Amino acid sequence: MDSEGLNTDSSALGFTSVDHKVSQLEYELSNVQSEMASKGDIAQIDHRLDDIMQHVQ
């Protein structure tokens, strides 16, 4: 019973870790967008977004 519980926990942690990573990337993207928007460089934002989305998938 205990080993099954541990397996379930590690699966849950795995999903939590992925969610955390996505949140972290979204936060980074938000910072990059703010930074680039202040410079008026939309092409840079699009390029950075593509890079981030590749990491998420």
PDB file of N, CA and C in Angstrom:
ATOM      1  N   MET A   1       0.828  -1.204   0.000  1.00  0.00           N
ATOM      2  CA  MET A   1       0.000   0.000   0.000  1.00  0.00           C
ATOM      3  C   MET A   1       0.872   1.268   0.000  1.00  0.00           C
ATOM      4  N   ASP A   2       1.891   1.254   0.843  1.00  0.00           N
ATOM      5  CA  ASP A   2       2.751   2.432   0.939  1.00  0.00           C
ATOM      6  C   ASP A   2       3.458   2.734  -0.379  1.00  0.00           C
ATOM      7  N   SER A   3       3.968   1.695  -1.046  1.00  0.00           N
ATOM      8  CA  SER A   3       4.689   1.925  -2.300  1.00  0.00           C
ATOM      9  C   SER A   3       3.748   2.493  -3.364  1.00  0.00           C
ATOM     10  N   GLU A   4       2.494   2.046  -3.364  1.00  0.00           N
ATOM     11  CA  GLU A   4       1.524   2.610  -4.313  1.00  0.00           C
ATOM     12  C   GLU A   4       1.303   4.090  -4.011  1.00  0.00           C
ATOM     13  N   GLY A   5       1.225   4.408  -2.734  1.00  0.00           N
ATOM     14  CA  GLY A   5       1.045   5.801  -2.330  1.00  0.00           C
ATOM     15  C   GLY A   5       2.204   6.659  -2.801  1.00  0.00           C
ATOM     16  N   LEU A   6       3.421   6.133  -2.682  1.00  0.00           N
ATOM     17  CA  LEU A   6       4.602   6.876  -3.120  1.00  0.00           C
ATOM     18  C   LEU A   6       4.575   7.097  -4.631  1.00  0.00           C
ATOM     19  N   ASN A   7       4.167   6.081  -5.387  1.00  0.00           N
ATOM     20  CA  ASN A   7       4.086   6.220  -6.842  1.00  0.00           C
ATOM     21  C   ASN A   7       3.085   7.310  -7.219  1.00  0.00           C
ATOM     22  N   THR A   8       1.945   7.305  -6.547  1.00  0.00           N
ATOM     23  CA  THR A   8       0.923   8.313  -6.810  1.00  0.00           C
ATOM     24  C   THR A   8       1.464   9.703  -6.506  1.00  0.00           C
ATOM     25  N   ASP A   9       2.161   9.823  -5.378  1.00  0.00           N
ATOM     26  CA  ASP A   9       2.721  11.120  -4.992  1.00  0.00           C
ATOM     27  C   ASP A   9       3.721  11.624  -6.029  1.00  0.00           C
ATOM     28  N   SER A  10       4.597  10.735  -6.499  1.00  0.00           N
ATOM     29  CA  SER A  10       5.606  11.170  -7.462  1.00  0.00           C
ATOM     30  C   SER A  10       4.955  11.582  -8.783  1.00  0.00           C
ATOM     31  N   SER A  11       3.864  10.924  -9.166  1.00  0.00           N
ATOM     32  CA  SER A  11       3.149  11.332 -10.380  1.00  0.00           C
ATOM     33  C   SER A  11       2.567  12.729 -10.186  1.00  0.00           C
ATOM     34  N   ALA A  12       1.969  12.938  -9.030  1.00  0.00           N
ATOM     35  CA  ALA A  12       1.379  14.246  -8.727  1.00  0.00           C
ATOM     36  C   ALA A  12       2.466  15.319  -8.733  1.00  0.00           C
ATOM     37  N   LEU A  13       3.611  15.002  -8.153  1.00  0.00           N
ATOM     38  CA  LEU A  13       4.718  15.957  -8.130  1.00  0.00           C
ATOM     39  C   LEU A  13       5.208  16.249  -9.541  1.00  0.00           C
ATOM     40  N   GLY A  14       5.211  15.241 -10.387  1.00  0.00           N
ATOM     41  CA  GLY A  14       5.619  15.427 -11.774  1.00  0.00           C
ATOM     42  C   GLY A  14       4.734  16.443 -12.469  1.00  0.00           C
ATOM     43  N   PHE A  15       3.423  16.301 -12.278  1.00  0.00           N
ATOM     44  CA  PHE A  15       2.496  17.247 -12.891  1.00  0.00           C
ATOM     45  C   PHE A  15       2.679  18.640 -12.299  1.00  0.00           C
ATOM     46  N   THR A  16       2.863  18.695 -10.990  1.00  0.00           N
ATOM     47  CA  THR A  16       3.071  19.981 -10.328  1.00  0.00           C
ATOM     48  C   THR A  16       4.315  20.652 -10.886  1.00  0.00           C
ATOM     49  N   SER A  17       5.354  19.857 -11.098  1.00  0.00           N
ATOM     50  CA  SER A  17       6.610  20.382 -11.628  1.00  0.00           C
ATOM     51  C   SER A  17       6.405  20.974 -13.022  1.00  0.00           C
ATOM     52  N   VAL A  18       5.636  20.284 -13.858  1.00  0.00           N
ATOM     53  CA  VAL A  18       5.357  20.784 -15.214  1.00  0.00           C
ATOM     54  C   VAL A  18       4.564  22.084 -15.136  1.00  0.00           C
ATOM     55  N   ASP A  19       3.531  22.102 -14.291  1.00  0.00           N
ATOM     56  CA  ASP A  19       2.727  23.315 -14.123  1.00  0.00           C
ATOM     57  C   ASP A  19       3.594  24.478 -13.655  1.00  0.00           C
ATOM     58  N   HIS A  20       4.497  24.174 -12.725  1.00  0.00           N
ATOM     59  CA  HIS A  20       5.393  25.216 -12.206  1.00  0.00           C
ATOM     60  C   HIS A  20       6.291  25.750 -13.317  1.00  0.00           C
ATOM     61  N   LYS A  21       6.806  24.842 -14.138  1.00  0.00           N
ATOM     62  CA  LYS A  21       7.689  25.234 -15.243  1.00  0.00           C
ATOM     63  C   LYS A  21       6.943  26.128 -16.235  1.00  0.00           C
ATOM     64  N   VAL A  22       5.708  25.751 -16.558  1.00  0.00           N
ATOM     65  CA  VAL A  22       4.895  26.559 -17.473  1.00  0.00           C
ATOM     66  C   VAL A  22       4.655  27.942 -16.868  1.00  0.00           C
ATOM     67  N   SER A  23       4.317  27.979 -15.587  1.00  0.00           N
ATOM     68  CA  SER A  23       4.089  29.262 -14.917  1.00  0.00           C
ATOM     69  C   SER A  23       5.343  30.120 -14.957  1.00  0.00           C
ATOM     70  N   GLN A  24       6.475  29.479 -14.733  1.00  0.00           N
ATOM     71  CA  GLN A  24       7.754  30.186 -14.746  1.00  0.00           C
ATOM     72  C   GLN A  24       8.033  30.765 -16.137  1.00  0.00           C
ATOM     73  N   LEU A  25       7.775  29.968 -17.182  1.00  0.00           N
ATOM     74  CA  LEU A  25       7.994  30.431 -18.555  1.00  0.00           C
ATOM     75  C   LEU A  25       7.041  31.568 -18.906  1.00  0.00           C
ATOM     76  N   GLU A  26       5.778  31.453 -18.461  1.00  0.00           N
ATOM     77  CA  GLU A  26       4.816  32.519 -18.722  1.00  0.00           C
ATOM     78  C   GLU A  26       5.258  33.810 -18.038  1.00  0.00           C
ATOM     79  N   TYR A  27       5.794  33.671 -16.825  1.00  0.00           N
ATOM     80  CA  TYR A  27       6.295  34.837 -16.085  1.00  0.00           C
ATOM     81  C   TYR A  27       7.473  35.476 -16.824  1.00  0.00           C
ATOM     82  N   GLU A  28       8.388  34.640 -17.297  1.00  0.00           N
ATOM     83  CA  GLU A  28       9.537  35.137 -18.064  1.00  0.00           C
ATOM     84  C   GLU A  28       9.064  35.835 -19.337  1.00  0.00           C
ATOM     85  N   LEU A  29       8.095  35.227 -20.017  1.00  0.00           N
ATOM     86  CA  LEU A  29       7.558  35.819 -21.241  1.00  0.00           C
ATOM     87  C   LEU A  29       6.967  37.193 -20.946  1.00  0.00           C
ATOM     88  N   SER A  30       6.222  37.286 -19.856  1.00  0.00           N
ATOM     89  CA  SER A  30       5.620  38.552 -19.451  1.00  0.00           C
ATOM     90  C   SER A  30       6.689  39.623 -19.259  1.00  0.00           C
ATOM     91  N   ASN A  31       7.775  39.252 -18.592  1.00  0.00           N
ATOM     92  CA  ASN A  31       8.885  40.191 -18.380  1.00  0.00           C
ATOM     93  C   ASN A  31       9.519  40.596 -19.704  1.00  0.00           C
ATOM     94  N   VAL A  32       9.727  39.622 -20.579  1.00  0.00           N
ATOM     95  CA  VAL A  32      10.335  39.901 -21.885  1.00  0.00           C
ATOM     96  C   VAL A  32       9.431  40.821 -22.702  1.00  0.00           C
ATOM     97  N   GLN A  33       8.120  40.550 -22.687  1.00  0.00           N
ATOM     98  CA  GLN A  33       7.186  41.390 -23.435  1.00  0.00           C
ATOM     99  C   GLN A  33       7.226  42.830 -22.932  1.00  0.00           C
ATOM    100  N   SER A  34       7.246  43.001 -21.620  1.00  0.00           N
ATOM    101  CA  SER A  34       7.300  44.348 -21.046  1.00  0.00           C
ATOM    102  C   SER A  34       8.580  45.056 -21.469  1.00  0.00           C
ATOM    103  N   GLU A  35       9.680  44.333 -21.376  1.00  0.00           N
ATOM    104  CA  GLU A  35      10.991  44.878 -21.726  1.00  0.00           C
ATOM    105  C   GLU A  35      11.048  45.280 -23.200  1.00  0.00           C
ATOM    106  N   MET A  36      10.615  44.376 -24.072  1.00  0.00           N
ATOM    107  CA  MET A  36      10.678  44.626 -25.504  1.00  0.00           C
ATOM    108  C   MET A  36       9.669  45.691 -25.933  1.00  0.00           C
ATOM    109  N   ALA A  37       8.491  45.672 -25.324  1.00  0.00           N
ATOM    110  CA  ALA A  37       7.469  46.654 -25.680  1.00  0.00           C
ATOM    111  C   ALA A  37       7.968  48.065 -25.376  1.00  0.00           C
ATOM    112  N   SER A  38       8.712  48.199 -24.293  1.00  0.00           N
ATOM    113  CA  SER A  38       9.252  49.520 -23.948  1.00  0.00           C
ATOM    114  C   SER A  38      10.277  49.978 -24.985  1.00  0.00           C
ATOM    115  N   LYS A  39      10.862  49.014 -25.696  1.00  0.00           N
ATOM    116  CA  LYS A  39      11.813  49.335 -26.766  1.00  0.00           C
ATOM    117  C   LYS A  39      11.105  49.390 -28.125  1.00  0.00           C
ATOM    118  N   GLY A  40       9.835  48.965 -28.152  1.00  0.00           N
ATOM    119  CA  GLY A  40       9.068  48.987 -29.385  1.00  0.00           C
ATOM    120  C   GLY A  40       9.492  47.924 -30.380  1.00  0.00           C
ATOM    121  N   ASP A  41      10.046  46.817 -29.895  1.00  0.00           N
ATOM    122  CA  ASP A  41      10.565  45.785 -30.796  1.00  0.00           C
ATOM    123  C   ASP A  41       9.668  44.543 -30.781  1.00  0.00           C
ATOM    124  N   ILE A  42       8.575  44.601 -31.542  1.00  0.00           N
ATOM    125  CA  ILE A  42       7.592  43.517 -31.557  1.00  0.00           C
ATOM    126  C   ILE A  42       8.160  42.229 -32.161  1.00  0.00           C
ATOM    127  N   ALA A  43       9.007  42.341 -33.164  1.00  0.00           N
ATOM    128  CA  ALA A  43       9.591  41.153 -33.794  1.00  0.00           C
ATOM    129  C   ALA A  43      10.375  40.328 -32.773  1.00  0.00           C
ATOM    130  N   GLN A  44      11.073  40.988 -31.869  1.00  0.00           N
ATOM    131  CA  GLN A  44      11.828  40.294 -30.830  1.00  0.00           C
ATOM    132  C   GLN A  44      10.892  39.518 -29.908  1.00  0.00           C
ATOM    133  N   ILE A  45       9.739  40.105 -29.573  1.00  0.00           N
ATOM    134  CA  ILE A  45       8.764  39.429 -28.715  1.00  0.00           C
ATOM    135  C   ILE A  45       8.291  38.144 -29.390  1.00  0.00           C
ATOM    136  N   ASP A  46       7.932  38.228 -30.669  1.00  0.00           N
ATOM    137  CA  ASP A  46       7.451  37.053 -31.396  1.00  0.00           C
ATOM    138  C   ASP A  46       8.507  35.954 -31.421  1.00  0.00           C
ATOM    139  N   HIS A  47       9.740  36.316 -31.649  1.00  0.00           N
ATOM    140  CA  HIS A  47      10.836  35.345 -31.700  1.00  0.00           C
ATOM    141  C   HIS A  47      11.022  34.683 -30.337  1.00  0.00           C
ATOM    142  N   ARG A  48      10.990  35.463 -29.286  1.00  0.00           N
ATOM    143  CA  ARG A  48      11.157  34.945 -27.920  1.00  0.00           C
ATOM    144  C   ARG A  48       9.976  34.043 -27.556  1.00  0.00           C
ATOM    145  N   LEU A  49       8.774  34.435 -27.964  1.00  0.00           N
ATOM    146  CA  LEU A  49       7.586  33.623 -27.699  1.00  0.00           C
ATOM    147  C   LEU A  49       7.725  32.257 -28.359  1.00  0.00           C
ATOM    148  N   ASP A  50       8.194  32.216 -29.591  1.00  0.00           N
ATOM    149  CA  ASP A  50       8.409  30.945 -30.285  1.00  0.00           C
ATOM    150  C   ASP A  50       9.390  30.071 -29.516  1.00  0.00           C
ATOM    151  N   ASP A  51      10.476  30.651 -29.028  1.00  0.00           N
ATOM    152  CA  ASP A  51      11.469  29.901 -28.243  1.00  0.00           C
ATOM    153  C   ASP A  51      10.834  29.307 -26.995  1.00  0.00           C
ATOM    154  N   ILE A  52      10.062  30.114 -26.284  1.00  0.00           N
ATOM    155  CA  ILE A  52       9.433  29.656 -25.044  1.00  0.00           C
ATOM    156  C   ILE A  52       8.417  28.555 -25.323  1.00  0.00           C
ATOM    157  N   MET A  53       7.608  28.712 -26.361  1.00  0.00           N
ATOM    158  CA  MET A  53       6.592  27.706 -26.680  1.00  0.00           C
ATOM    159  C   MET A  53       7.233  26.367 -27.037  1.00  0.00           C
ATOM    160  N   GLN A  54       8.394  26.377 -27.659  1.00  0.00           N
ATOM    161  CA  GLN A  54       9.088  25.126 -27.978  1.00  0.00           C
ATOM    162  C   GLN A  54       9.480  24.402 -26.696  1.00  0.00           C
ATOM    163  N   HIS A  55       9.883  25.139 -25.661  1.00  0.00           N
ATOM    164  CA  HIS A  55      10.249  24.526 -24.381  1.00  0.00           C
ATOM    165  C   HIS A  55       9.026  23.919 -23.699  1.00  0.00           C
ATOM    166  N   VAL A  56       7.878  24.573 -23.833  1.00  0.00           N
ATOM    167  CA  VAL A  56       6.647  24.098 -23.188  1.00  0.00           C
ATOM    168  C   VAL A  56       6.164  22.802 -23.835  1.00  0.00           C
ATOM    169  N   GLN A  57       6.280  22.690 -25.153  1.00  0.00           N
ATOM    170  CA  GLN A  57       5.797  21.496 -25.845  1.00  0.00           C
ATOM    171  C   GLN A  57       6.716  20.351 -25.720  1.00  0.00           C
TER     172      GLN A  57
END
